[in-house]
Amino acid sequence: MVPTLAGPAQLVPLASLASRGTSVIALRTAAQRGRLKAQRGDDGQWRSTRAWVTEYQRSRYERKPR
């Protein structure tokens, strides 16, 4: 609910940006590895924007079903 109110450029916690295709764990790992643009707050919580998550999702390698 927070990302809807915040807009695509507002920093919000990764938990509120997770979806069926991308879990919070996947987002946090991508942020830690530098694959997702994100910022870690003084409280230790990772934050990103909807636009950055969309950019990350488009850049991910997807396996084709065999």
Protein backbone atom coordinates (compact mmCIF):
# COMPACT_ATOMS: atom_id res chain seq x y z
CA MET A 1 0.00 0.00 0.00
CA VAL A 2 2.86 2.43 0.71
CA PRO A 3 4.31 2.38 -2.86
CA THR A 4 0.94 3.33 -4.32
CA LEU A 5 0.81 6.43 -2.17
CA ALA A 6 4.50 7.25 -2.45
CA GLY A 7 4.92 7.29 -6.22
CA PRO A 8 7.60 5.68 -8.40
CA ALA A 9 10.49 7.92 -7.21
CA GLN A 10 9.88 7.82 -3.44
CA LEU A 11 12.24 5.73 -1.29
CA VAL A 12 10.29 3.06 0.59
CA PRO A 13 11.29 -0.13 2.48
CA LEU A 14 12.01 -3.15 0.29
CA ALA A 15 9.26 -5.11 2.01
CA SER A 16 6.67 -2.81 0.46
CA LEU A 17 8.21 -3.25 -3.01
CA ALA A 18 8.17 -7.05 -3.04
CA SER A 19 5.82 -8.85 -5.42
CA ARG A 20 4.99 -12.39 -6.49
CA GLY A 21 7.91 -12.46 -8.90
CA THR A 22 10.43 -10.78 -6.62
CA SER A 23 10.63 -11.54 -2.91
CA VAL A 24 11.99 -9.29 -0.18
CA ILE A 25 14.97 -11.62 0.16
CA ALA A 26 15.75 -11.35 -3.56
CA LEU A 27 15.52 -7.55 -3.42
CA ARG A 28 17.73 -7.33 -0.34
CA THR A 29 20.32 -9.65 -1.90
CA ALA A 30 20.31 -7.63 -5.12
CA ALA A 31 20.78 -4.43 -3.13
CA GLN A 32 23.67 -5.90 -1.15
CA ARG A 33 25.36 -7.08 -4.36
CA GLY A 34 24.87 -3.74 -6.06
CA ARG A 35 22.44 -5.03 -8.67
CA LEU A 36 19.51 -3.02 -7.34
CA LYS A 37 19.83 0.69 -6.68
CA ALA A 38 18.99 1.05 -3.01
CA GLN A 39 20.04 2.90 0.10
CA ARG A 40 20.57 1.52 3.57
CA GLY A 41 19.25 3.80 6.28
CA ASP A 42 20.79 4.53 9.65
CA ASP A 43 18.30 2.03 11.06
CA GLY A 44 19.79 -0.74 8.85
CA GLN A 45 16.70 -1.01 6.67
CA TRP A 46 17.13 -1.11 2.89
CA ARG A 47 15.03 1.31 0.83
CA SER A 48 14.53 1.63 -2.88
CA THR A 49 12.04 3.09 -5.34
CA ARG A 50 9.43 1.41 -7.53
CA ALA A 51 11.28 2.76 -10.60
CA TRP A 52 14.59 1.22 -9.45
CA VAL A 53 12.92 -2.14 -8.74
CA THR A 54 11.30 -2.09 -12.19
CA GLU A 55 14.68 -1.34 -13.75
CA TYR A 56 16.24 -4.21 -11.80
CA GLN A 57 13.48 -6.63 -12.83
CA ARG A 58 13.95 -5.75 -16.51
CA SER A 59 17.69 -6.34 -16.29
CA ARG A 60 17.44 -9.74 -14.60
CA TYR A 61 18.27 -12.89 -16.48
CA GLU A 62 15.23 -15.10 -16.80
CA ARG A 63 15.56 -18.80 -17.47
CA LYS A 64 13.51 -20.24 -20.29
CA PRO A 65 11.46 -23.37 -19.50
CA ARG A 66 12.84 -26.52 -21.07
